[in-house]
Amino acid sequence: MTRIEPAIAVVQRVLPAPPEVVFDEWLDPVSLSDWMCPHPARAVRIELDPRVAGRLRIDIEEEGSEFSVSGTFLALERPGRIVFTWSCTAWADPELESVVTVTLEPHGPGHTLMKILHESLPDGTRERHERGWNLIAQQLENELSSS
């Protein structure tokens, strides 16, 4: 019997900042450009309209190739929850829409437990997305630690 890989990536990390600060990091294009893409990839342009039904687009360069991620904000509940769709031009079906849910909970004084749930991923990509989100969470932690 063939095992089908779940199409959900889940990442958790405790961050050294309160939920309000982490929430704002997710919606600031300048901040996002520092930590959003797993290095050595980098965001070369970010467009955000941070409101429900607002669009987002991240143009990414990685090892000489370029692709983009785009989506629509489905929920913005400051300071605890951000939900947006996610499509990638590098996927076999670039029209496929997945959903990213970021939850932020207080975790002791001045810290946040961030959970990223990325659902409806293309078949066979869960592990790669989980690695990517783990790297992104580490980069966000480093960014918050240095501020």
N, C-alpha and C. Protein backbone atom coordinates (compact mmCIF):
# COMPACT_ATOMS: atom_id res chain seq x y z
N MET A 1 0.84 -1.18 0.00
CA MET A 1 0.00 0.00 0.00
C MET A 1 0.89 1.24 0.00
N THR A 2 0.59 2.20 -0.85
CA THR A 2 1.36 3.43 -0.95
C THR A 2 0.91 4.42 0.11
N ARG A 3 1.87 4.98 0.80
CA ARG A 3 1.58 6.00 1.82
C ARG A 3 1.52 7.35 1.14
N ILE A 4 0.43 8.09 1.34
CA ILE A 4 0.29 9.42 0.76
C ILE A 4 0.75 10.43 1.81
N GLU A 5 1.67 11.28 1.40
CA GLU A 5 2.23 12.30 2.29
C GLU A 5 1.17 13.34 2.63
N PRO A 6 0.99 13.68 3.91
CA PRO A 6 0.04 14.73 4.25
C PRO A 6 0.47 16.06 3.61
N ALA A 7 -0.49 16.81 3.16
CA ALA A 7 -0.19 18.06 2.47
C ALA A 7 -0.28 19.24 3.43
N ILE A 8 0.21 19.04 4.66
CA ILE A 8 0.18 20.09 5.68
C ILE A 8 1.57 20.21 6.31
N ALA A 9 2.12 21.41 6.31
CA ALA A 9 3.39 21.67 7.01
C ALA A 9 3.07 22.42 8.29
N VAL A 10 3.72 22.02 9.39
CA VAL A 10 3.48 22.64 10.69
C VAL A 10 4.82 23.00 11.31
N VAL A 11 4.93 24.25 11.78
CA VAL A 11 6.15 24.73 12.42
C VAL A 11 5.75 25.53 13.66
N GLN A 12 6.49 25.33 14.75
CA GLN A 12 6.29 26.12 15.98
C GLN A 12 7.63 26.65 16.45
N ARG A 13 7.59 27.86 17.01
CA ARG A 13 8.83 28.43 17.55
C ARG A 13 8.46 29.49 18.59
N VAL A 14 9.22 29.53 19.68
CA VAL A 14 9.08 30.60 20.67
C VAL A 14 9.99 31.74 20.24
N LEU A 15 9.40 32.93 20.14
CA LEU A 15 10.13 34.11 19.68
C LEU A 15 10.32 35.11 20.81
N PRO A 16 11.44 35.86 20.79
CA PRO A 16 11.77 36.78 21.87
C PRO A 16 11.12 38.16 21.71
N ALA A 17 9.80 38.18 21.54
CA ALA A 17 9.07 39.44 21.42
C ALA A 17 7.60 39.16 21.72
N PRO A 18 6.85 40.16 22.17
CA PRO A 18 5.42 39.95 22.43
C PRO A 18 4.64 39.78 21.11
N PRO A 19 3.45 39.18 21.18
CA PRO A 19 2.66 38.92 19.98
C PRO A 19 2.42 40.16 19.09
N GLU A 20 2.22 41.32 19.70
CA GLU A 20 1.97 42.53 18.90
C GLU A 20 3.15 42.86 17.99
N VAL A 21 4.35 42.69 18.49
CA VAL A 21 5.57 42.96 17.72
C VAL A 21 5.71 41.94 16.59
N VAL A 22 5.49 40.67 16.90
CA VAL A 22 5.61 39.61 15.89
C VAL A 22 4.54 39.81 14.81
N PHE A 23 3.32 40.13 15.21
CA PHE A 23 2.23 40.38 14.26
C PHE A 23 2.64 41.48 13.28
N ASP A 24 3.17 42.57 13.81
CA ASP A 24 3.58 43.69 12.95
C ASP A 24 4.71 43.31 12.00
N GLU A 25 5.62 42.43 12.43
CA GLU A 25 6.70 41.96 11.56
C GLU A 25 6.13 41.29 10.31
N TRP A 26 5.06 40.53 10.47
CA TRP A 26 4.45 39.81 9.35
C TRP A 26 3.80 40.75 8.34
N LEU A 27 3.49 41.98 8.74
CA LEU A 27 2.75 42.88 7.85
C LEU A 27 3.57 44.09 7.40
N ASP A 28 4.86 44.09 7.68
CA ASP A 28 5.75 45.19 7.28
C ASP A 28 6.67 44.71 6.17
N PRO A 29 6.52 45.24 4.93
CA PRO A 29 7.33 44.76 3.82
C PRO A 29 8.83 44.90 4.05
N VAL A 30 9.25 45.94 4.74
CA VAL A 30 10.69 46.13 4.99
C VAL A 30 11.20 45.03 5.92
N SER A 31 10.47 44.76 6.99
CA SER A 31 10.86 43.68 7.90
C SER A 31 10.83 42.33 7.22
N LEU A 32 9.76 42.07 6.46
CA LEU A 32 9.64 40.79 5.76
C LEU A 32 10.83 40.52 4.84
N SER A 33 11.33 41.55 4.21
CA SER A 33 12.45 41.37 3.27
C SER A 33 13.69 40.84 3.97
N ASP A 34 13.80 41.06 5.29
CA ASP A 34 14.96 40.58 6.05
C ASP A 34 14.87 39.10 6.40
N TRP A 35 13.65 38.57 6.59
CA TRP A 35 13.56 37.21 7.12
C TRP A 35 12.60 36.27 6.40
N MET A 36 11.80 36.72 5.47
CA MET A 36 10.74 35.89 4.92
C MET A 36 11.21 34.74 4.04
N CYS A 37 12.23 34.87 3.28
CA CYS A 37 12.68 33.79 2.39
C CYS A 37 13.82 33.02 3.04
N PRO A 38 13.77 31.67 2.97
CA PRO A 38 14.87 30.90 3.56
C PRO A 38 16.17 31.15 2.80
N HIS A 39 17.15 31.71 3.49
CA HIS A 39 18.44 32.03 2.85
C HIS A 39 19.09 30.77 2.31
N PRO A 40 19.69 30.80 1.15
CA PRO A 40 20.20 31.97 0.43
C PRO A 40 19.19 32.66 -0.46
N ALA A 41 17.93 32.15 -0.54
CA ALA A 41 16.91 32.87 -1.30
C ALA A 41 16.70 34.23 -0.67
N ARG A 42 16.26 35.18 -1.49
CA ARG A 42 15.98 36.51 -0.94
C ARG A 42 14.81 37.15 -1.66
N ALA A 43 14.06 37.93 -0.91
CA ALA A 43 12.95 38.67 -1.49
C ALA A 43 13.52 39.89 -2.20
N VAL A 44 13.20 40.03 -3.47
CA VAL A 44 13.69 41.18 -4.23
C VAL A 44 12.61 42.27 -4.33
N ARG A 45 11.36 41.88 -4.10
CA ARG A 45 10.28 42.87 -4.05
C ARG A 45 9.12 42.27 -3.26
N ILE A 46 8.52 43.09 -2.39
CA ILE A 46 7.37 42.66 -1.60
C ILE A 46 6.29 43.72 -1.72
N GLU A 47 5.09 43.27 -2.05
CA GLU A 47 3.93 44.16 -2.09
C GLU A 47 2.89 43.59 -1.14
N LEU A 48 2.40 44.42 -0.23
CA LEU A 48 1.41 43.98 0.76
C LEU A 48 0.28 45.00 0.84
N ASP A 49 -0.94 44.50 0.91
CA ASP A 49 -2.11 45.31 1.22
C ASP A 49 -2.75 44.63 2.44
N PRO A 50 -2.22 44.94 3.65
CA PRO A 50 -2.60 44.18 4.85
C PRO A 50 -4.00 44.51 5.38
N ARG A 51 -4.99 43.96 4.67
CA ARG A 51 -6.39 44.04 5.10
C ARG A 51 -7.07 42.80 4.55
N VAL A 52 -8.18 42.41 5.15
CA VAL A 52 -8.90 41.24 4.65
C VAL A 52 -9.28 41.50 3.20
N ALA A 53 -8.99 40.55 2.34
CA ALA A 53 -9.17 40.61 0.88
C ALA A 53 -8.04 41.38 0.19
N GLY A 54 -7.10 41.93 0.96
CA GLY A 54 -5.92 42.59 0.37
C GLY A 54 -4.96 41.55 -0.17
N ARG A 55 -4.17 41.94 -1.13
CA ARG A 55 -3.25 41.02 -1.81
C ARG A 55 -1.85 41.10 -1.23
N LEU A 56 -1.09 40.04 -1.44
CA LEU A 56 0.32 40.04 -1.10
C LEU A 56 1.07 39.40 -2.27
N ARG A 57 2.29 39.85 -2.47
CA ARG A 57 3.15 39.27 -3.51
C ARG A 57 4.60 39.42 -3.06
N ILE A 58 5.34 38.32 -3.21
CA ILE A 58 6.75 38.32 -2.86
C ILE A 58 7.50 37.78 -4.08
N ASP A 59 8.36 38.61 -4.66
CA ASP A 59 9.21 38.17 -5.76
C ASP A 59 10.52 37.70 -5.15
N ILE A 60 10.95 36.50 -5.52
CA ILE A 60 12.06 35.82 -4.86
C ILE A 60 13.13 35.45 -5.89
N GLU A 61 14.38 35.63 -5.47
CA GLU A 61 15.51 35.20 -6.28
C GLU A 61 16.27 34.14 -5.48
N GLU A 62 16.55 33.01 -6.14
CA GLU A 62 17.29 31.94 -5.47
C GLU A 62 18.20 31.24 -6.47
N GLU A 63 19.49 31.35 -6.22
CA GLU A 63 20.50 30.69 -7.04
C GLU A 63 20.29 30.94 -8.54
N GLY A 64 20.07 32.20 -8.88
CA GLY A 64 19.94 32.59 -10.28
C GLY A 64 18.56 32.45 -10.88
N SER A 65 17.64 31.82 -10.19
CA SER A 65 16.28 31.73 -10.73
C SER A 65 15.36 32.67 -9.96
N GLU A 66 14.28 33.07 -10.62
CA GLU A 66 13.31 33.96 -10.00
C GLU A 66 11.93 33.33 -10.06
N PHE A 67 11.17 33.53 -9.00
CA PHE A 67 9.78 33.08 -8.95
C PHE A 67 9.05 33.98 -7.98
N SER A 68 7.73 33.82 -7.89
CA SER A 68 6.98 34.67 -6.98
C SER A 68 5.92 33.87 -6.25
N VAL A 69 5.58 34.39 -5.09
CA VAL A 69 4.51 33.86 -4.26
C VAL A 69 3.46 34.96 -4.19
N SER A 70 2.20 34.58 -4.30
CA SER A 70 1.14 35.57 -4.19
C SER A 70 -0.02 34.98 -3.40
N GLY A 71 -0.86 35.87 -2.90
CA GLY A 71 -2.01 35.40 -2.14
C GLY A 71 -2.91 36.55 -1.74
N THR A 72 -3.90 36.19 -0.94
CA THR A 72 -4.90 37.13 -0.46
C THR A 72 -5.05 36.92 1.05
N PHE A 73 -5.12 38.02 1.79
CA PHE A 73 -5.35 37.92 3.24
C PHE A 73 -6.79 37.51 3.49
N LEU A 74 -6.97 36.45 4.27
CA LEU A 74 -8.30 35.96 4.61
C LEU A 74 -8.74 36.40 6.00
N ALA A 75 -7.77 36.58 6.92
CA ALA A 75 -8.07 37.01 8.29
C ALA A 75 -6.86 37.75 8.84
N LEU A 76 -7.13 38.86 9.53
CA LEU A 76 -6.10 39.62 10.25
C LEU A 76 -6.70 39.98 11.61
N GLU A 77 -6.30 39.24 12.64
CA GLU A 77 -6.85 39.43 13.98
C GLU A 77 -5.70 39.78 14.92
N ARG A 78 -5.38 41.07 15.00
CA ARG A 78 -4.25 41.53 15.79
C ARG A 78 -4.53 41.33 17.26
N PRO A 79 -3.63 40.77 18.02
CA PRO A 79 -2.28 40.36 17.67
C PRO A 79 -2.12 38.86 17.51
N GLY A 80 -3.23 38.10 17.32
CA GLY A 80 -3.10 36.65 17.45
C GLY A 80 -3.20 35.79 16.22
N ARG A 81 -3.64 36.32 15.06
CA ARG A 81 -3.86 35.40 13.95
C ARG A 81 -3.81 36.13 12.61
N ILE A 82 -3.10 35.51 11.66
CA ILE A 82 -3.02 35.99 10.28
C ILE A 82 -3.26 34.77 9.39
N VAL A 83 -4.15 34.90 8.42
CA VAL A 83 -4.44 33.81 7.49
C VAL A 83 -4.39 34.38 6.08
N PHE A 84 -3.67 33.69 5.19
CA PHE A 84 -3.59 34.13 3.81
C PHE A 84 -3.44 32.95 2.87
N THR A 85 -3.88 33.14 1.63
CA THR A 85 -3.65 32.11 0.62
C THR A 85 -2.23 32.25 0.12
N TRP A 86 -1.74 31.19 -0.53
CA TRP A 86 -0.35 31.12 -0.97
C TRP A 86 -0.28 30.32 -2.27
N SER A 87 0.13 30.94 -3.33
CA SER A 87 0.37 30.27 -4.61
C SER A 87 1.78 30.60 -5.04
N CYS A 88 2.43 29.66 -5.73
CA CYS A 88 3.82 29.85 -6.10
C CYS A 88 4.01 29.54 -7.58
N THR A 89 4.66 30.45 -8.29
CA THR A 89 4.88 30.25 -9.72
C THR A 89 5.84 29.09 -10.00
N ALA A 90 6.59 28.63 -9.00
CA ALA A 90 7.53 27.52 -9.18
C ALA A 90 6.86 26.15 -9.00
N TRP A 91 5.61 26.13 -8.54
CA TRP A 91 4.90 24.87 -8.39
C TRP A 91 4.52 24.31 -9.75
N ALA A 92 4.34 22.99 -9.83
CA ALA A 92 3.90 22.36 -11.08
C ALA A 92 2.58 22.97 -11.56
N ASP A 93 1.68 23.29 -10.62
CA ASP A 93 0.44 23.99 -10.94
C ASP A 93 0.47 25.33 -10.22
N PRO A 94 0.93 26.41 -10.87
CA PRO A 94 1.06 27.70 -10.20
C PRO A 94 -0.28 28.34 -9.83
N GLU A 95 -1.38 27.76 -10.30
CA GLU A 95 -2.71 28.28 -9.96
C GLU A 95 -3.24 27.69 -8.65
N LEU A 96 -2.60 26.62 -8.17
CA LEU A 96 -3.02 25.98 -6.93
C LEU A 96 -2.91 26.97 -5.77
N GLU A 97 -3.95 27.02 -4.93
CA GLU A 97 -3.93 27.89 -3.75
C GLU A 97 -3.85 27.04 -2.49
N SER A 98 -2.84 27.30 -1.70
CA SER A 98 -2.74 26.71 -0.38
C SER A 98 -3.10 27.79 0.63
N VAL A 99 -3.15 27.43 1.91
CA VAL A 99 -3.53 28.40 2.95
C VAL A 99 -2.51 28.35 4.08
N VAL A 100 -2.03 29.54 4.48
CA VAL A 100 -1.10 29.67 5.59
C VAL A 100 -1.83 30.34 6.75
N THR A 101 -1.77 29.71 7.93
CA THR A 101 -2.34 30.29 9.14
C THR A 101 -1.20 30.48 10.14
N VAL A 102 -1.03 31.71 10.60
CA VAL A 102 -0.02 32.03 11.60
C VAL A 102 -0.77 32.41 12.87
N THR A 103 -0.52 31.68 13.96
CA THR A 103 -1.11 32.04 15.25
C THR A 103 0.00 32.47 16.19
N LEU A 104 -0.31 33.46 17.00
CA LEU A 104 0.67 34.05 17.92
C LEU A 104 0.04 34.09 19.31
N GLU A 105 0.68 33.39 20.25
CA GLU A 105 0.17 33.33 21.62
C GLU A 105 1.25 33.81 22.58
N PRO A 106 0.85 34.57 23.64
CA PRO A 106 1.84 34.93 24.65
C PRO A 106 2.47 33.67 25.24
N HIS A 107 3.77 33.74 25.50
CA HIS A 107 4.50 32.59 26.03
C HIS A 107 5.52 33.11 27.04
N GLY A 108 5.04 33.42 28.22
CA GLY A 108 5.91 34.02 29.23
C GLY A 108 6.10 35.50 28.94
N PRO A 109 6.77 36.20 29.84
CA PRO A 109 6.95 37.64 29.67
C PRO A 109 7.75 37.98 28.41
N GLY A 110 7.15 38.77 27.53
CA GLY A 110 7.86 39.28 26.36
C GLY A 110 8.17 38.26 25.29
N HIS A 111 7.52 37.10 25.31
CA HIS A 111 7.77 36.05 24.32
C HIS A 111 6.47 35.62 23.66
N THR A 112 6.60 35.01 22.50
CA THR A 112 5.44 34.57 21.72
C THR A 112 5.68 33.15 21.21
N LEU A 113 4.65 32.32 21.32
CA LEU A 113 4.67 31.03 20.65
C LEU A 113 4.01 31.25 19.29
N MET A 114 4.81 31.12 18.23
CA MET A 114 4.31 31.28 16.87
C MET A 114 4.10 29.89 16.28
N LYS A 115 2.91 29.66 15.73
CA LYS A 115 2.61 28.42 15.02
C LYS A 115 2.28 28.78 13.58
N ILE A 116 2.92 28.09 12.64
CA ILE A 116 2.63 28.25 11.22
C ILE A 116 2.06 26.94 10.72
N LEU A 117 0.87 27.00 10.16
CA LEU A 117 0.21 25.84 9.58
C LEU A 117 0.00 26.15 8.10
N HIS A 118 0.63 25.38 7.22
CA HIS A 118 0.52 25.60 5.77
C HIS A 118 -0.22 24.39 5.20
N GLU A 119 -1.49 24.60 4.80
CA GLU A 119 -2.37 23.53 4.36
C GLU A 119 -2.57 23.53 2.85
N SER A 120 -3.03 22.39 2.35
CA SER A 120 -3.37 22.20 0.93
C SER A 120 -2.16 22.40 0.02
N LEU A 121 -1.01 21.92 0.47
CA LEU A 121 0.20 22.00 -0.33
C LEU A 121 0.15 21.03 -1.50
N PRO A 122 0.90 21.32 -2.56
CA PRO A 122 0.97 20.35 -3.66
C PRO A 122 1.56 19.03 -3.15
N ASP A 123 1.11 17.93 -3.75
CA ASP A 123 1.62 16.60 -3.38
C ASP A 123 3.14 16.57 -3.42
N GLY A 124 3.72 15.94 -2.40
CA GLY A 124 5.17 15.75 -2.37
C GLY A 124 5.99 16.94 -1.94
N THR A 125 5.35 18.02 -1.46
CA THR A 125 6.12 19.23 -1.11
C THR A 125 6.10 19.56 0.38
N ARG A 126 5.41 18.74 1.20
CA ARG A 126 5.29 19.07 2.62
C ARG A 126 6.64 19.22 3.30
N GLU A 127 7.53 18.25 3.11
CA GLU A 127 8.83 18.31 3.80
C GLU A 127 9.62 19.54 3.40
N ARG A 128 9.63 19.87 2.12
CA ARG A 128 10.36 21.06 1.65
C ARG A 128 9.78 22.33 2.26
N HIS A 129 8.45 22.41 2.32
CA HIS A 129 7.83 23.60 2.91
C HIS A 129 8.08 23.66 4.42
N GLU A 130 8.05 22.52 5.07
CA GLU A 130 8.33 22.50 6.51
C GLU A 130 9.76 22.98 6.78
N ARG A 131 10.73 22.50 5.98
CA ARG A 131 12.11 22.98 6.13
C ARG A 131 12.19 24.49 5.89
N GLY A 132 11.52 24.96 4.84
CA GLY A 132 11.53 26.39 4.54
C GLY A 132 10.94 27.23 5.65
N TRP A 133 9.77 26.81 6.17
CA TRP A 133 9.15 27.57 7.26
C TRP A 133 10.00 27.53 8.53
N ASN A 134 10.68 26.40 8.79
CA ASN A 134 11.58 26.34 9.95
C ASN A 134 12.72 27.34 9.80
N LEU A 135 13.31 27.41 8.61
CA LEU A 135 14.38 28.39 8.37
C LEU A 135 13.86 29.82 8.51
N ILE A 136 12.68 30.08 7.98
CA ILE A 136 12.08 31.41 8.08
C ILE A 136 11.83 31.76 9.54
N ALA A 137 11.30 30.82 10.32
CA ALA A 137 11.06 31.07 11.75
C ALA A 137 12.37 31.37 12.48
N GLN A 138 13.45 30.64 12.13
CA GLN A 138 14.76 30.90 12.73
C GLN A 138 15.26 32.29 12.36
N GLN A 139 15.09 32.67 11.10
CA GLN A 139 15.53 34.01 10.65
C GLN A 139 14.72 35.10 11.35
N LEU A 140 13.42 34.89 11.56
CA LEU A 140 12.61 35.86 12.29
C LEU A 140 13.08 35.94 13.74
N GLU A 141 13.37 34.79 14.35
CA GLU A 141 13.89 34.80 15.73
C GLU A 141 15.19 35.59 15.80
N ASN A 142 16.10 35.36 14.85
CA ASN A 142 17.37 36.10 14.83
C ASN A 142 17.13 37.59 14.67
N GLU A 143 16.21 37.96 13.80
CA GLU A 143 15.89 39.38 13.57
C GLU A 143 15.36 40.03 14.85
N LEU A 144 14.45 39.34 15.53
CA LEU A 144 13.87 39.89 16.76
C LEU A 144 14.91 39.94 17.88
N SER A 145 15.83 38.98 17.91
CA SER A 145 16.88 38.97 18.95
C SER A 145 17.85 40.12 18.77
N SER A 146 18.04 40.56 17.53
CA SER A 146 19.02 41.61 17.27
C SER A 146 18.41 43.02 17.36
N SER A 147 17.08 43.11 17.52
CA SER A 147 16.48 44.45 17.60
C SER A 147 16.48 45.00 18.99
